N, C-alpha and C. Protein backbone atom coordinates (compact mmCIF):
# COMPACT_ATOMS: atom_id res chain seq x y z
N UNK A 1 -30.46 -65.24 -105.82
CA UNK A 1 -29.23 -65.06 -106.58
C UNK A 1 -29.19 -66.10 -107.69
N UNK A 2 -28.89 -65.68 -108.91
CA UNK A 2 -28.89 -66.64 -110.01
C UNK A 2 -27.74 -67.63 -109.91
N UNK A 3 -27.99 -68.83 -110.43
CA UNK A 3 -26.95 -69.86 -110.48
C UNK A 3 -26.08 -69.58 -111.71
N UNK A 4 -24.77 -69.43 -111.47
CA UNK A 4 -23.83 -69.14 -112.55
C UNK A 4 -22.68 -70.14 -112.47
N UNK A 5 -22.41 -70.81 -113.59
CA UNK A 5 -21.36 -71.82 -113.64
C UNK A 5 -20.51 -71.61 -114.88
N UNK A 6 -19.22 -71.95 -114.80
CA UNK A 6 -18.39 -71.93 -116.00
C UNK A 6 -18.77 -73.13 -116.88
N UNK A 7 -18.50 -73.04 -118.16
CA UNK A 7 -18.87 -74.12 -119.09
C UNK A 7 -18.23 -75.45 -118.70
N UNK A 8 -17.09 -75.42 -118.06
CA UNK A 8 -16.44 -76.68 -117.65
C UNK A 8 -17.27 -77.43 -116.61
N UNK A 9 -18.11 -76.74 -115.88
CA UNK A 9 -18.95 -77.39 -114.87
C UNK A 9 -19.99 -78.30 -115.50
N UNK A 10 -20.30 -78.09 -116.78
CA UNK A 10 -21.25 -78.97 -117.45
C UNK A 10 -20.74 -80.41 -117.48
N UNK A 11 -19.44 -80.56 -117.46
CA UNK A 11 -18.85 -81.90 -117.45
C UNK A 11 -18.65 -82.39 -116.02
N UNK A 12 -18.14 -81.53 -115.15
CA UNK A 12 -17.75 -81.94 -113.80
C UNK A 12 -18.89 -81.92 -112.79
N UNK A 13 -19.89 -81.09 -113.00
CA UNK A 13 -20.96 -80.93 -111.99
C UNK A 13 -22.34 -81.06 -112.64
N UNK A 14 -22.43 -81.98 -113.57
CA UNK A 14 -23.64 -82.13 -114.37
C UNK A 14 -24.89 -82.38 -113.52
N UNK A 15 -24.83 -83.27 -112.54
CA UNK A 15 -25.99 -83.59 -111.70
C UNK A 15 -26.47 -82.34 -110.93
N UNK A 16 -25.52 -81.59 -110.38
CA UNK A 16 -25.86 -80.38 -109.63
C UNK A 16 -26.55 -79.35 -110.53
N UNK A 17 -25.99 -79.15 -111.72
CA UNK A 17 -26.55 -78.17 -112.65
C UNK A 17 -27.94 -78.60 -113.11
N UNK A 18 -28.11 -79.89 -113.42
CA UNK A 18 -29.42 -80.37 -113.83
C UNK A 18 -30.44 -80.22 -112.71
N UNK A 19 -30.01 -80.48 -111.49
CA UNK A 19 -30.91 -80.31 -110.35
C UNK A 19 -31.39 -78.88 -110.20
N UNK A 20 -30.49 -77.94 -110.35
CA UNK A 20 -30.86 -76.53 -110.28
C UNK A 20 -31.74 -76.13 -111.46
N UNK A 21 -31.42 -76.66 -112.64
CA UNK A 21 -32.17 -76.31 -113.85
C UNK A 21 -33.63 -76.78 -113.78
N UNK A 22 -33.92 -77.72 -112.88
CA UNK A 22 -35.31 -78.15 -112.70
C UNK A 22 -36.14 -77.10 -111.97
N UNK A 23 -35.48 -76.14 -111.32
CA UNK A 23 -36.21 -75.13 -110.55
C UNK A 23 -35.90 -73.69 -110.94
N UNK A 24 -34.84 -73.47 -111.71
CA UNK A 24 -34.47 -72.11 -112.08
C UNK A 24 -33.61 -72.10 -113.33
N UNK A 25 -33.38 -70.92 -113.84
CA UNK A 25 -32.49 -70.75 -114.99
C UNK A 25 -31.06 -70.77 -114.47
N UNK A 26 -30.21 -71.54 -115.14
CA UNK A 26 -28.79 -71.62 -114.78
C UNK A 26 -27.99 -70.93 -115.89
N UNK A 27 -27.13 -70.02 -115.50
CA UNK A 27 -26.32 -69.27 -116.47
C UNK A 27 -24.95 -69.93 -116.61
N UNK A 28 -24.53 -70.12 -117.86
CA UNK A 28 -23.24 -70.76 -118.16
C UNK A 28 -22.33 -69.70 -118.79
N UNK A 29 -21.13 -69.61 -118.25
CA UNK A 29 -20.17 -68.63 -118.76
C UNK A 29 -19.04 -69.31 -119.53
N UNK A 30 -18.42 -68.54 -120.40
CA UNK A 30 -17.19 -68.96 -121.07
C UNK A 30 -16.21 -67.82 -120.95
N UNK A 31 -15.03 -68.11 -120.48
CA UNK A 31 -13.99 -67.10 -120.29
C UNK A 31 -14.48 -65.94 -119.43
N UNK A 32 -15.32 -66.25 -118.44
CA UNK A 32 -15.79 -65.25 -117.50
C UNK A 32 -16.92 -64.36 -117.99
N UNK A 33 -17.45 -64.66 -119.18
CA UNK A 33 -18.53 -63.85 -119.75
C UNK A 33 -19.76 -64.72 -119.95
N UNK A 34 -20.93 -64.12 -119.76
CA UNK A 34 -22.17 -64.85 -119.97
C UNK A 34 -22.26 -65.37 -121.40
N UNK A 35 -22.65 -66.63 -121.54
CA UNK A 35 -22.69 -67.22 -122.88
C UNK A 35 -23.99 -67.99 -123.15
N UNK A 36 -24.43 -68.81 -122.17
CA UNK A 36 -25.59 -69.67 -122.38
C UNK A 36 -26.49 -69.66 -121.15
N UNK A 37 -27.72 -70.14 -121.36
CA UNK A 37 -28.62 -70.41 -120.25
C UNK A 37 -29.07 -71.86 -120.38
N UNK A 38 -29.32 -72.48 -119.23
CA UNK A 38 -29.71 -73.89 -119.19
C UNK A 38 -30.85 -74.02 -118.20
N UNK A 39 -31.94 -74.65 -118.63
CA UNK A 39 -33.07 -74.83 -117.73
C UNK A 39 -33.99 -75.92 -118.26
N UNK A 40 -34.91 -76.35 -117.42
CA UNK A 40 -35.88 -77.35 -117.86
C UNK A 40 -36.95 -76.68 -118.71
N UNK A 41 -37.67 -77.49 -119.48
CA UNK A 41 -38.75 -76.93 -120.31
C UNK A 41 -39.82 -76.30 -119.43
N UNK A 42 -40.12 -76.90 -118.30
CA UNK A 42 -41.15 -76.38 -117.39
C UNK A 42 -40.75 -75.00 -116.89
N UNK A 43 -39.50 -74.83 -116.48
CA UNK A 43 -39.03 -73.53 -115.98
C UNK A 43 -39.01 -72.52 -117.12
N UNK A 44 -38.62 -72.95 -118.32
CA UNK A 44 -38.62 -72.04 -119.47
C UNK A 44 -40.04 -71.56 -119.76
N UNK A 45 -41.01 -72.47 -119.78
CA UNK A 45 -42.40 -72.09 -120.04
C UNK A 45 -42.91 -71.13 -118.96
N UNK A 46 -42.58 -71.41 -117.69
CA UNK A 46 -43.00 -70.53 -116.60
C UNK A 46 -42.35 -69.16 -116.73
N UNK A 47 -41.07 -69.13 -117.08
CA UNK A 47 -40.35 -67.87 -117.24
C UNK A 47 -40.95 -67.03 -118.37
N UNK A 48 -41.27 -67.69 -119.48
CA UNK A 48 -41.89 -66.98 -120.60
C UNK A 48 -43.27 -66.47 -120.20
N UNK A 49 -44.07 -67.31 -119.54
CA UNK A 49 -45.41 -66.89 -119.12
C UNK A 49 -45.35 -65.73 -118.14
N UNK A 50 -44.39 -65.78 -117.22
CA UNK A 50 -44.21 -64.66 -116.27
C UNK A 50 -43.88 -63.37 -117.02
N UNK A 51 -43.03 -63.46 -118.03
CA UNK A 51 -42.66 -62.27 -118.81
C UNK A 51 -43.86 -61.74 -119.59
N UNK A 52 -44.66 -62.64 -120.16
CA UNK A 52 -45.87 -62.21 -120.87
C UNK A 52 -46.84 -61.54 -119.91
N UNK A 53 -47.07 -62.18 -118.74
CA UNK A 53 -47.98 -61.61 -117.75
C UNK A 53 -47.53 -60.22 -117.31
N UNK A 54 -46.24 -60.06 -117.09
CA UNK A 54 -45.71 -58.77 -116.66
C UNK A 54 -45.88 -57.72 -117.76
N UNK A 55 -45.62 -58.11 -119.01
CA UNK A 55 -45.78 -57.16 -120.12
C UNK A 55 -47.24 -56.75 -120.27
N UNK A 56 -48.16 -57.71 -120.13
CA UNK A 56 -49.59 -57.38 -120.22
C UNK A 56 -50.01 -56.46 -119.08
N UNK A 57 -49.52 -56.73 -117.88
CA UNK A 57 -49.82 -55.88 -116.73
C UNK A 57 -49.31 -54.46 -116.97
N UNK A 58 -48.09 -54.34 -117.44
CA UNK A 58 -47.52 -53.02 -117.70
C UNK A 58 -48.31 -52.28 -118.77
N UNK A 59 -48.78 -53.00 -119.80
CA UNK A 59 -49.58 -52.36 -120.84
C UNK A 59 -50.92 -51.89 -120.28
N UNK A 60 -51.57 -52.72 -119.45
CA UNK A 60 -52.84 -52.31 -118.83
C UNK A 60 -52.63 -51.09 -117.94
N UNK A 61 -51.53 -51.07 -117.20
CA UNK A 61 -51.22 -49.93 -116.34
C UNK A 61 -50.96 -48.67 -117.17
N UNK A 62 -50.21 -48.82 -118.26
CA UNK A 62 -49.93 -47.68 -119.14
C UNK A 62 -51.23 -47.13 -119.72
N UNK A 63 -52.12 -48.04 -120.14
CA UNK A 63 -53.40 -47.61 -120.71
C UNK A 63 -54.25 -46.90 -119.66
N UNK A 64 -54.30 -47.44 -118.44
CA UNK A 64 -55.08 -46.81 -117.37
C UNK A 64 -54.54 -45.42 -117.04
N UNK A 65 -53.22 -45.29 -116.98
CA UNK A 65 -52.63 -43.98 -116.71
C UNK A 65 -52.94 -42.99 -117.83
N UNK A 66 -52.87 -43.46 -119.05
CA UNK A 66 -53.18 -42.60 -120.19
C UNK A 66 -54.63 -42.14 -120.14
N UNK A 67 -55.54 -43.07 -119.85
CA UNK A 67 -56.95 -42.71 -119.75
C UNK A 67 -57.20 -41.74 -118.59
N UNK A 68 -56.53 -41.96 -117.47
CA UNK A 68 -56.75 -41.07 -116.33
C UNK A 68 -56.21 -39.67 -116.61
N UNK A 69 -55.10 -39.57 -117.31
CA UNK A 69 -54.57 -38.24 -117.68
C UNK A 69 -55.54 -37.53 -118.63
N UNK A 70 -56.09 -38.30 -119.57
CA UNK A 70 -57.05 -37.74 -120.50
C UNK A 70 -58.31 -37.28 -119.76
N UNK A 71 -58.79 -38.11 -118.83
CA UNK A 71 -59.96 -37.72 -118.03
C UNK A 71 -59.69 -36.42 -117.27
N UNK A 72 -58.56 -36.33 -116.63
CA UNK A 72 -58.22 -35.13 -115.86
C UNK A 72 -58.12 -33.91 -116.77
N UNK A 73 -57.45 -34.07 -117.90
CA UNK A 73 -57.27 -32.95 -118.83
C UNK A 73 -58.61 -32.46 -119.37
N UNK A 74 -59.58 -33.35 -119.47
CA UNK A 74 -60.89 -32.99 -120.01
C UNK A 74 -61.94 -32.76 -118.93
N UNK A 75 -61.49 -32.59 -117.69
CA UNK A 75 -62.39 -32.23 -116.60
C UNK A 75 -63.26 -33.36 -116.09
N UNK A 76 -62.92 -34.59 -116.44
CA UNK A 76 -63.69 -35.73 -115.95
C UNK A 76 -63.05 -36.27 -114.67
N UNK A 77 -63.28 -35.56 -113.57
CA UNK A 77 -62.76 -35.98 -112.27
C UNK A 77 -63.68 -35.45 -111.18
N UNK A 78 -63.51 -35.97 -109.99
CA UNK A 78 -64.34 -35.58 -108.84
C UNK A 78 -63.42 -35.11 -107.74
N UNK A 79 -63.86 -34.03 -107.04
CA UNK A 79 -63.01 -33.50 -105.99
C UNK A 79 -63.32 -34.04 -104.62
N UNK A 80 -64.36 -34.86 -104.50
CA UNK A 80 -64.68 -35.45 -103.19
C UNK A 80 -65.39 -36.78 -103.40
N UNK A 81 -65.42 -37.56 -102.33
CA UNK A 81 -66.15 -38.82 -102.39
C UNK A 81 -67.64 -38.59 -102.60
N UNK A 82 -68.14 -37.54 -102.01
CA UNK A 82 -69.56 -37.23 -102.15
C UNK A 82 -69.91 -36.95 -103.62
N UNK A 83 -69.05 -36.18 -104.30
CA UNK A 83 -69.28 -35.90 -105.71
C UNK A 83 -69.25 -37.19 -106.53
N UNK A 84 -68.31 -38.05 -106.22
CA UNK A 84 -68.21 -39.33 -106.92
C UNK A 84 -69.45 -40.18 -106.68
N UNK A 85 -69.89 -40.28 -105.41
CA UNK A 85 -71.07 -41.07 -105.08
C UNK A 85 -72.31 -40.53 -105.80
N UNK A 86 -72.43 -39.23 -105.87
CA UNK A 86 -73.57 -38.62 -106.57
C UNK A 86 -73.53 -38.95 -108.06
N UNK A 87 -72.35 -38.91 -108.65
CA UNK A 87 -72.22 -39.23 -110.07
C UNK A 87 -72.56 -40.70 -110.34
N UNK A 88 -72.15 -41.57 -109.44
CA UNK A 88 -72.48 -43.00 -109.58
C UNK A 88 -73.99 -43.19 -109.50
N UNK A 89 -74.62 -42.53 -108.58
CA UNK A 89 -76.08 -42.62 -108.44
C UNK A 89 -76.79 -42.10 -109.69
N UNK A 90 -76.32 -40.99 -110.24
CA UNK A 90 -76.91 -40.45 -111.46
C UNK A 90 -76.75 -41.45 -112.63
N UNK A 91 -75.58 -42.06 -112.70
CA UNK A 91 -75.33 -43.05 -113.76
C UNK A 91 -76.24 -44.26 -113.60
N UNK A 92 -76.38 -44.76 -112.39
CA UNK A 92 -77.28 -45.89 -112.13
C UNK A 92 -78.72 -45.54 -112.50
N UNK A 93 -79.13 -44.37 -112.11
CA UNK A 93 -80.51 -43.94 -112.37
C UNK A 93 -80.76 -43.83 -113.88
N UNK A 94 -79.77 -43.41 -114.64
CA UNK A 94 -79.96 -43.26 -116.08
C UNK A 94 -80.08 -44.60 -116.79
N UNK A 95 -79.60 -45.68 -116.16
CA UNK A 95 -79.67 -47.02 -116.77
C UNK A 95 -80.85 -47.83 -116.23
N UNK A 96 -81.60 -47.27 -115.30
CA UNK A 96 -82.71 -48.01 -114.70
C UNK A 96 -83.94 -48.00 -115.56
């Protein structure tokens, strides 16, 4: 569950908020609405890297799905493990 504090807590509960910000993003509200985020540089860098990693993973997955749909549409698929194993053997033999 995310840490959420009103902006007044920055004055009254500064040590607590800083302690949390060392390990996670802390959300600061004004008048009951989200307004700011507070976190350490280390957590910010990790959060950004996690978002980049996730976006790259999603792009690789999208590309793989696109390629597999294209393969299927163009008849490049195998209906059994035996057919696949035979195709692998033929491919290996052609590169030997």
